[in-house]
Amino acid sequence: MVGRERFSESNRPYKSRRSTSHREKLQMNLHAQKQHANLDHLTFVRGATPKTTIEVTGYAPTDGLPLGFKVIDNATGNVVCEVKIQDGPRNDENGVNGLVAEEIGAILVALLEPATAAFGGSANLLGLAGAYQALGASVQRTEARIAKGIEGTRKQ
């Protein structure tokens, strides 16, 4: 190969000597995707100036998970919308008090499907595939937790 250094398994600077678990690989991939998407902050830019900022509005006291978000128009300071996340299990005691991950994923799919159909493009297809993947993984997780009898609890 001209112009490229070949790496053998023994001299790759980034490869660990021990095998990497599937979970660790997923975490590394997620970190790389997060860095690529620049989601360490939640100010979104379209054009020359940031248009909106997303703020977390509250955290669950038991585990620190976010319980709400608000989207702020940076030009006016007005709150464009607020999203409440389900706090606790959906049962007789709590009822439905916010969105769960599957509902947020379904909203994303519903937004991306017609855009992808109308405009095509590899970026739209990749975004839709990622939304389907996230929704599918979330549904699988929930089904597994239901089967174990721990859905709606903080147990693992």
Protein backbone atom coordinates (compact mmCIF):
# COMPACT_ATOMS: atom_id res chain seq x y z
CA MET A 1 0.00 0.00 0.00
CA VAL A 2 1.55 3.25 -1.10
CA GLY A 3 1.22 6.23 1.23
CA ARG A 4 -0.37 4.26 4.07
CA GLU A 5 1.32 2.67 7.01
CA ARG A 6 0.19 -0.87 7.60
CA PHE A 7 -0.58 -1.86 11.16
CA SER A 8 -0.33 -5.39 12.35
CA GLU A 9 -2.36 -6.56 15.34
CA SER A 10 0.76 -6.21 17.50
CA ASN A 11 1.65 -2.60 16.66
CA ARG A 12 -1.70 -0.81 16.50
CA PRO A 13 -1.37 2.09 18.91
CA TYR A 14 -5.09 2.21 19.67
CA LYS A 15 -5.79 -1.50 20.12
CA SER A 16 -5.84 -2.96 23.58
CA ARG A 17 -4.13 -6.31 24.14
CA ARG A 18 -7.20 -7.68 25.94
CA SER A 19 -10.37 -8.42 24.08
CA THR A 20 -13.01 -5.71 24.21
CA SER A 21 -16.47 -6.74 25.33
CA HIS A 22 -19.50 -6.04 23.18
CA ARG A 23 -20.74 -3.51 25.76
CA GLU A 24 -17.39 -1.70 25.78
CA LYS A 25 -17.41 -1.55 21.98
CA LEU A 26 -20.91 -0.09 22.04
CA GLN A 27 -19.85 2.50 24.62
CA MET A 28 -16.79 3.48 22.56
CA ASN A 29 -18.94 3.74 19.43
CA LEU A 30 -21.50 5.86 21.28
CA HIS A 31 -18.76 8.15 22.59
CA ALA A 32 -17.33 8.53 19.07
CA GLN A 33 -20.77 9.28 17.64
CA LYS A 34 -21.48 11.79 20.41
CA GLN A 35 -18.18 13.56 19.75
CA HIS A 36 -18.90 13.56 16.00
CA ALA A 37 -22.37 15.00 16.56
CA ASN A 38 -20.98 17.59 19.01
CA LEU A 39 -23.63 16.84 21.63
CA ASP A 40 -21.53 17.69 24.66
CA HIS A 41 -23.54 20.88 24.75
CA LEU A 42 -27.11 21.31 23.68
CA THR A 43 -27.02 24.55 21.71
CA PHE A 44 -28.00 23.94 18.13
CA VAL A 45 -26.78 26.11 15.28
CA ARG A 46 -28.44 26.74 11.95
CA GLY A 47 -26.72 29.48 10.04
CA ALA A 48 -24.33 31.88 11.73
CA THR A 49 -25.82 32.02 15.23
CA PRO A 50 -27.15 29.49 17.73
CA LYS A 51 -30.94 29.36 17.33
CA THR A 52 -32.06 27.23 20.26
CA THR A 53 -30.76 25.89 23.53
CA ILE A 54 -32.11 22.82 25.30
CA GLU A 55 -31.99 22.93 29.08
CA VAL A 56 -32.64 20.14 31.55
CA THR A 57 -35.42 21.30 33.87
CA GLY A 58 -35.12 18.68 36.59
CA TYR A 59 -33.53 15.46 37.74
CA ALA A 60 -34.88 12.43 39.60
CA PRO A 61 -33.60 12.59 43.18
CA THR A 62 -33.06 8.81 43.33
CA ASP A 63 -30.71 8.36 40.36
CA GLY A 64 -30.12 11.73 38.73
CA LEU A 65 -31.89 10.90 35.47
CA PRO A 66 -33.29 13.94 33.66
CA LEU A 67 -37.04 14.44 34.12
CA GLY A 68 -37.66 17.34 31.80
CA PHE A 69 -36.30 19.61 29.11
CA LYS A 70 -37.19 22.98 27.69
CA VAL A 71 -36.27 24.39 24.30
CA ILE A 72 -35.42 28.09 24.37
CA ASP A 73 -35.35 30.44 21.38
CA ASN A 74 -32.00 32.19 21.81
CA ALA A 75 -33.13 35.31 19.93
CA THR A 76 -36.11 36.02 22.20
CA GLY A 77 -35.41 33.95 25.30
CA ASN A 78 -38.90 32.46 24.99
CA VAL A 79 -39.54 28.82 25.82
CA VAL A 80 -40.61 27.15 22.57
CA CYS A 81 -41.69 23.88 24.17
CA GLU A 82 -41.22 21.72 27.23
CA VAL A 83 -40.87 17.94 27.42
CA LYS A 84 -41.62 16.02 30.60
CA ILE A 85 -40.05 12.57 31.07
CA GLN A 86 -41.89 9.80 32.91
CA ASP A 87 -41.02 9.76 36.60
CA GLY A 88 -41.48 6.30 38.07
CA PRO A 89 -43.38 3.33 36.74
CA ARG A 90 -46.62 3.71 34.84
CA ASN A 91 -48.92 2.13 37.37
CA ASP A 92 -51.97 3.06 39.45
CA GLU A 93 -49.85 5.18 41.78
CA ASN A 94 -47.95 7.29 39.20
CA GLY A 95 -50.01 6.92 36.04
CA VAL A 96 -48.67 8.54 32.90
CA ASN A 97 -46.78 11.68 33.92
CA GLY A 98 -44.36 12.08 31.03
CA LEU A 99 -42.86 10.54 27.92
CA VAL A 100 -40.80 7.35 27.86
CA ALA A 101 -37.87 6.61 25.54
CA GLU A 102 -39.99 4.57 23.11
CA GLU A 103 -42.39 7.48 22.63
CA ILE A 104 -39.55 9.90 21.98
CA GLY A 105 -38.06 7.42 19.49
CA ALA A 106 -41.43 7.04 17.75
CA ILE A 107 -41.69 10.84 17.43
CA LEU A 108 -38.22 10.96 15.86
CA VAL A 109 -39.10 8.18 13.40
CA ALA A 110 -42.39 9.94 12.54
CA LEU A 111 -40.43 13.12 11.83
CA LEU A 112 -37.65 11.51 9.79
CA GLU A 113 -39.65 9.03 7.68
CA PRO A 114 -41.51 11.59 5.54
CA ALA A 115 -38.42 13.82 5.27
CA THR A 116 -36.35 10.88 4.06
CA ALA A 117 -39.06 9.86 1.59
CA ALA A 118 -39.39 13.42 0.29
CA PHE A 119 -35.74 14.44 0.13
CA GLY A 120 -33.72 11.21 0.16
CA GLY A 121 -30.02 11.65 0.72
CA SER A 122 -27.53 9.55 2.61
CA ALA A 123 -27.62 11.78 5.72
CA ASN A 124 -31.41 11.44 5.98
CA LEU A 125 -31.20 7.67 5.47
CA LEU A 126 -28.49 7.38 8.11
CA GLY A 127 -30.53 9.46 10.56
CA LEU A 128 -33.64 7.36 9.97
CA ALA A 129 -31.66 4.11 10.35
CA GLY A 130 -30.24 5.40 13.64
CA ALA A 131 -33.70 6.36 14.87
CA TYR A 132 -35.02 2.89 14.02
CA GLN A 133 -32.03 1.32 15.77
CA ALA A 134 -32.51 3.41 18.91
CA LEU A 135 -36.25 2.72 19.00
CA GLY A 136 -35.72 -1.01 18.47
CA ALA A 137 -33.09 -1.21 21.21
CA SER A 138 -35.33 0.67 23.63
CA VAL A 139 -38.28 -1.63 22.90
CA GLN A 140 -36.04 -4.70 23.39
CA ARG A 141 -34.81 -3.32 26.71
CA THR A 142 -38.36 -2.69 27.91
CA GLU A 143 -39.55 -6.14 26.83
CA ALA A 144 -36.63 -7.76 28.66
CA ARG A 145 -37.39 -5.76 31.82
CA ILE A 146 -41.06 -6.78 31.63
CA ALA A 147 -40.02 -10.43 31.28
CA LYS A 148 -37.80 -10.09 34.39
CA GLY A 149 -40.58 -8.36 36.32
CA ILE A 150 -38.52 -5.22 36.92
CA GLU A 151 -39.99 -2.75 34.41
CA GLY A 152 -40.80 0.54 36.11
CA THR A 153 -38.25 -0.01 38.88
CA ARG A 154 -34.70 1.21 39.24
CA LYS A 155 -33.45 -2.40 39.42
CA GLN A 156 -31.10 -3.80 36.79
